C-alpha atoms as a PDB file:
ATOM      1  CA  MET A   1      88.174 120.247  92.598  1.00  0.00           C
ATOM      2  CA  GLY A   2      91.184 117.989  92.148  1.00  0.00           C
ATOM      3  CA  LYS A   3      91.179 114.479  90.752  1.00  0.00           C
ATOM      4  CA  ILE A   4      93.614 111.591  91.064  1.00  0.00           C
ATOM      5  CA  LEU A   5      93.536 108.745  88.567  1.00  0.00           C
ATOM      6  CA  ILE A   6      95.349 105.565  89.591  1.00  0.00           C
ATOM      7  CA  VAL A   7      96.265 103.197  86.761  1.00  0.00           C
ATOM      8  CA  ASN A   8      97.254  99.623  87.514  1.00  0.00           C
ATOM      9  CA  THR A   9     100.030  98.200  85.349  1.00  0.00           C
ATOM     10  CA  GLY A  10     100.566  94.580  84.554  1.00  0.00           C
ATOM     11  CA  PRO A  11     100.217  92.267  81.590  1.00  0.00           C
ATOM     12  CA  VAL A  12      96.796  91.584  80.157  1.00  0.00           C
ATOM     13  CA  ARG A  13      96.516  88.072  78.802  1.00  0.00           C
ATOM     14  CA  GLU A  14      97.182  87.970  75.069  1.00  0.00           C
ATOM     15  CA  LEU A  15      97.836  91.730  74.855  1.00  0.00           C
ATOM     16  CA  SER A  16     101.137  93.520  74.548  1.00  0.00           C
ATOM     17  CA  ALA A  17     102.146  96.067  77.171  1.00  0.00           C
ATOM     18  CA  GLU A  18     102.117  98.695  74.405  1.00  0.00           C
ATOM     19  CA  ALA A  19      98.527  97.841  73.391  1.00  0.00           C
ATOM     20  CA  VAL A  20      97.378  98.182  77.007  1.00  0.00           C
ATOM     21  CA  ALA A  21      99.284 101.449  77.452  1.00  0.00           C
ATOM     22  CA  GLN A  22      97.759 102.798  74.213  1.00  0.00           C
ATOM     23  CA  ALA A  23      94.234 101.915  75.373  1.00  0.00           C
ATOM     24  CA  VAL A  24      94.880 103.527  78.765  1.00  0.00           C
ATOM     25  CA  ALA A  25      96.299 106.653  77.085  1.00  0.00           C
ATOM     26  CA  GLU A  26      93.163 106.916  74.944  1.00  0.00           C
ATOM     27  CA  ARG A  27      90.993 106.513  78.052  1.00  0.00           C
ATOM     28  CA  LEU A  28      92.942 109.220  79.899  1.00  0.00           C
ATOM     29  CA  SER A  29      92.834 111.614  76.945  1.00  0.00           C
ATOM     30  CA  GLU A  30      89.329 112.694  78.015  1.00  0.00           C
ATOM     31  CA  TYR A  31      90.911 114.409  81.050  1.00  0.00           C
ATOM     32  CA  LYS A  32      93.018 117.541  81.057  1.00  0.00           C
ATOM     33  CA  LEU A  33      95.950 116.045  82.958  1.00  0.00           C
ATOM     34  CA  ALA A  34      98.402 118.286  84.784  1.00  0.00           C
ATOM     35  CA  ALA A  35     100.940 115.556  85.553  1.00  0.00           C
ATOM     36  CA  VAL A  36     101.804 111.887  85.099  1.00  0.00           C
ATOM     37  CA  TYR A  37     103.492 110.223  88.076  1.00  0.00           C
ATOM     38  CA  TYR A  38     104.745 106.674  88.503  1.00  0.00           C
ATOM     39  CA  CYS A  39     105.625 104.544  91.479  1.00  0.00           C
ATOM     40  CA  PRO A  40     109.183 103.188  91.676  1.00  0.00           C
ATOM     41  CA  LEU A  41     108.267  99.599  90.829  1.00  0.00           C
ATOM     42  CA  PRO A  42     108.815  97.436  87.718  1.00  0.00           C
ATOM     43  CA  GLY A  43     106.619  98.246  84.735  1.00  0.00           C
ATOM     44  CA  ALA A  44     105.194 101.499  86.050  1.00  0.00           C
ATOM     45  CA  GLU A  45     107.822 103.824  84.571  1.00  0.00           C
ATOM     46  CA  GLU A  46     107.539 102.306  81.095  1.00  0.00           C
ATOM     47  CA  MET A  47     103.753 102.668  81.010  1.00  0.00           C
ATOM     48  CA  ALA A  48     103.967 106.190  82.474  1.00  0.00           C
ATOM     49  CA  ARG A  49     106.465 107.255  79.797  1.00  0.00           C
ATOM     50  CA  PHE A  50     104.306 105.826  77.030  1.00  0.00           C
ATOM     51  CA  ILE A  51     101.135 107.521  78.331  1.00  0.00           C
ATOM     52  CA  ALA A  52     102.856 110.836  79.066  1.00  0.00           C
ATOM     53  CA  GLY A  53     104.381 110.848  75.593  1.00  0.00           C
ATOM     54  CA  ARG A  54     101.010 110.246  73.950  1.00  0.00           C
ATOM     55  CA  LEU A  55      99.459 113.052  76.003  1.00  0.00           C
ATOM     56  CA  GLY A  56     102.343 115.509  75.578  1.00  0.00           C
ATOM     57  CA  LEU A  57     103.345 115.515  79.253  1.00  0.00           C
ATOM     58  CA  GLN A  58     106.516 114.903  81.227  1.00  0.00           C
ATOM     59  CA  VAL A  59     106.634 111.886  83.503  1.00  0.00           C
ATOM     60  CA  GLN A  60     107.570 112.333  87.153  1.00  0.00           C
ATOM     61  CA  PRO A  61     108.650 109.690  89.667  1.00  0.00           C
ATOM     62  CA  LEU A  62     107.068 109.517  93.107  1.00  0.00           C
ATOM     63  CA  PRO A  63     109.967 107.957  95.019  1.00  0.00           C
ATOM     64  CA  GLY A  64     108.285 108.108  98.436  1.00  0.00           C
ATOM     65  CA  LEU A  65     105.138 106.394  97.252  1.00  0.00           C
ATOM     66  CA  SER A  66     106.171 102.873  98.121  1.00  0.00           C
ATOM     67  CA  GLU A  67     107.218 103.799 101.663  1.00  0.00           C
ATOM     68  CA  ALA A  68     104.588 106.339 102.745  1.00  0.00           C
ATOM     69  CA  THR A  69     101.549 106.021 100.527  1.00  0.00           C
ATOM     70  CA  SER A  70      99.131 108.026 102.663  1.00  0.00           C
ATOM     71  CA  VAL A  71     101.452 110.992 103.163  1.00  0.00           C
ATOM     72  CA  THR A  72     102.445 111.093  99.510  1.00  0.00           C
ATOM     73  CA  LEU A  73      98.850 110.851  98.248  1.00  0.00           C
ATOM     74  CA  ASP A  74      97.670 113.522 100.650  1.00  0.00           C
ATOM     75  CA  ASP A  75     100.548 115.813  99.619  1.00  0.00           C
ATOM     76  CA  LEU A  76      99.764 115.189  95.960  1.00  0.00           C
ATOM     77  CA  ALA A  77      96.086 116.024  96.495  1.00  0.00           C
ATOM     78  CA  VAL A  78      97.052 119.320  98.145  1.00  0.00           C
ATOM     79  CA  LYS A  79      99.669 120.165  95.503  1.00  0.00           C
ATOM     80  CA  HIS A  80      97.177 119.550  92.671  1.00  0.00           C
ATOM     81  CA  LYS A  81      94.009 120.602  94.485  1.00  0.00           C
ATOM     82  CA  LYS A  82      92.400 122.010  91.325  1.00  0.00           C
ATOM     83  CA  GLU A  83      94.066 119.743  88.765  1.00  0.00           C
ATOM     84  CA  THR A  84      93.814 116.186  87.523  1.00  0.00           C
ATOM     85  CA  VAL A  85      96.847 113.922  87.831  1.00  0.00           C
ATOM     86  CA  VAL A  86      97.501 110.278  87.103  1.00  0.00           C
ATOM     87  CA  ILE A  87      99.615 107.813  89.063  1.00  0.00           C
ATOM     88  CA  ILE A  88     100.837 104.682  87.290  1.00  0.00           C
ATOM     89  CA  SER A  89     101.424 101.841  89.723  1.00  0.00           C
ATOM     90  CA  GLU A  90     101.525  98.088  90.062  1.00  0.00           C
ATOM     91  CA  GLN A  91      98.738  96.056  91.673  1.00  0.00           C
ATOM     92  CA  ALA A  92      99.847  95.853  95.312  1.00  0.00           C
ATOM     93  CA  LEU A  93     100.548  99.551  95.591  1.00  0.00           C
ATOM     94  CA  SER A  94      97.412 100.455  93.625  1.00  0.00           C
ATOM     95  CA  VAL A  95      95.325  98.514  96.125  1.00  0.00           C
ATOM     96  CA  THR A  96      97.151 100.154  99.036  1.00  0.00           C
ATOM     97  CA  MET A  97      96.432 103.611  97.594  1.00  0.00           C
ATOM     98  CA  LEU A  98      92.773 102.715  97.022  1.00  0.00           C
ATOM     99  CA  LEU A  99      92.435 101.484 100.606  1.00  0.00           C
ATOM    100  CA  HIS A 100      93.838 104.776 101.865  1.00  0.00           C
ATOM    101  CA  LEU A 101      91.556 106.875  99.661  1.00  0.00           C
ATOM    102  CA  LEU A 102      88.538 104.783 100.677  1.00  0.00           C
ATOM    103  CA  GLY A 103      89.433 105.111 104.360  1.00  0.00           C
ATOM    104  CA  LEU A 104      89.887 101.361 104.810  1.00  0.00           C
ATOM    105  CA  ASN A 105      92.660  99.546 106.647  1.00  0.00           C
ATOM    106  CA  SER A 106      94.834  96.742 105.292  1.00  0.00           C
ATOM    107  CA  LYS A 107      92.512  93.953 106.491  1.00  0.00           C
ATOM    108  CA  HIS A 108      90.310  94.886 103.498  1.00  0.00           C
ATOM    109  CA  TYR A 109      93.154  94.336 101.028  1.00  0.00           C
ATOM    110  CA  GLY A 110      91.596  91.177  99.541  1.00  0.00           C
ATOM    111  CA  GLN A 111      88.322  92.981  98.872  1.00  0.00           C
ATOM    112  CA  ILE A 112      89.821  95.411  96.356  1.00  0.00           C
ATOM    113  CA  ASP A 113      90.187  94.006  92.837  1.00  0.00           C
ATOM    114  CA  GLN A 114      92.621  95.589  90.391  1.00  0.00           C
ATOM    115  CA  GLN A 115      92.805  94.137  86.914  1.00  0.00           C
ATOM    116  CA  PRO A 116      95.848  94.878  84.765  1.00  0.00           C
ATOM    117  CA  GLY A 117      95.326  98.110  82.859  1.00  0.00           C
ATOM    118  CA  SER A 118      92.468  99.220  85.121  1.00  0.00           C
ATOM    119  CA  VAL A 119      91.776 102.879  85.871  1.00  0.00           C
ATOM    120  CA  ASN A 120      90.480 104.296  89.167  1.00  0.00           C
ATOM    121  CA  LEU A 121      89.218 107.845  89.620  1.00  0.00           C
ATOM    122  CA  PHE A 122      88.914 109.843  92.836  1.00  0.00           C
ATOM    123  CA  GLU A 123      87.669 113.397  93.046  1.00  0.00           C
ATOM    124  CA  PHE A 124      88.556 115.544  96.039  1.00  0.00           C
ATOM    125  CA  ARG A 125      85.700 117.625  97.411  1.00  0.00           C
ATOM    126  CA  LEU A 126      86.787 119.952 100.205  1.00  0.00           C
ATOM    127  CA  GLY A 127      89.841 117.765 100.667  1.00  0.00           C
ATOM    128  CA  VAL A 128      87.845 114.529 101.018  1.00  0.00           C
ATOM    129  CA  PRO A 129      88.301 111.822  98.349  1.00  0.00           C
ATOM    130  CA  SER A 130      85.202 110.502  96.630  1.00  0.00           C
ATOM    131  CA  ALA A 131      85.441 107.383  94.434  1.00  0.00           C
ATOM    132  CA  LEU A 132      83.930 107.958  90.994  1.00  0.00           C
ATOM    133  CA  TYR A 133      85.008 104.604  89.596  1.00  0.00           C
ATOM    134  CA  ILE A 134      87.236 101.716  90.625  1.00  0.00           C
ATOM    135  CA  ASN A 135      88.804  98.943  88.525  1.00  0.00           C
ATOM    136  CA  ASP A 136      87.450 100.321  85.251  1.00  0.00           C
ATOM    137  CA  THR A 137      88.642  98.293  82.269  1.00  0.00           C
ATOM    138  CA  CYS A 138      86.094  99.370  79.640  1.00  0.00           C
ATOM    139  CA  HIS A 139      88.891 100.816  77.488  1.00  0.00           C
ATOM    140  CA  LEU A 140      90.337  97.300  77.102  1.00  0.00           C
ATOM    141  CA  ASN A 141      87.103  95.743  75.801  1.00  0.00           C
ATOM    142  CA  LYS A 142      87.879  96.551  72.172  1.00  0.00           C
ATOM    143  CA  LEU A 143      91.230  94.769  72.476  1.00  0.00           C
ATOM    144  CA  ILE A 144      90.055  91.528  74.031  1.00  0.00           C
END
């Protein structure tokens, strides 16, 4: 059973980007990650490199993610069908990916909240994504 974690980048009020990345890395350390990917948007690569470095992994860009989210996510789920991977992204693209995984169209965009530093987890059962948690920020509580 494969899993995709989507991490939303962005500044958290009164916290440094490094403090947020450290908290996210600690949160992700409970998973045996096969890969760390990032979307080609500002802030995502830096957080991905920090997290990958803390977890002893290489970071990989997903250049097609911003243009063809559904195809790229579906390909990633097939490629890592028995592994857990993380995608670091910014808010707009995180929401777009969540909509796709939830089977919702873009008119629901405003109904999906993504706080900076939040983590989302989807597990794929027989190729179908199942949301285990969305917009989880519990790892930031000790910092705020």
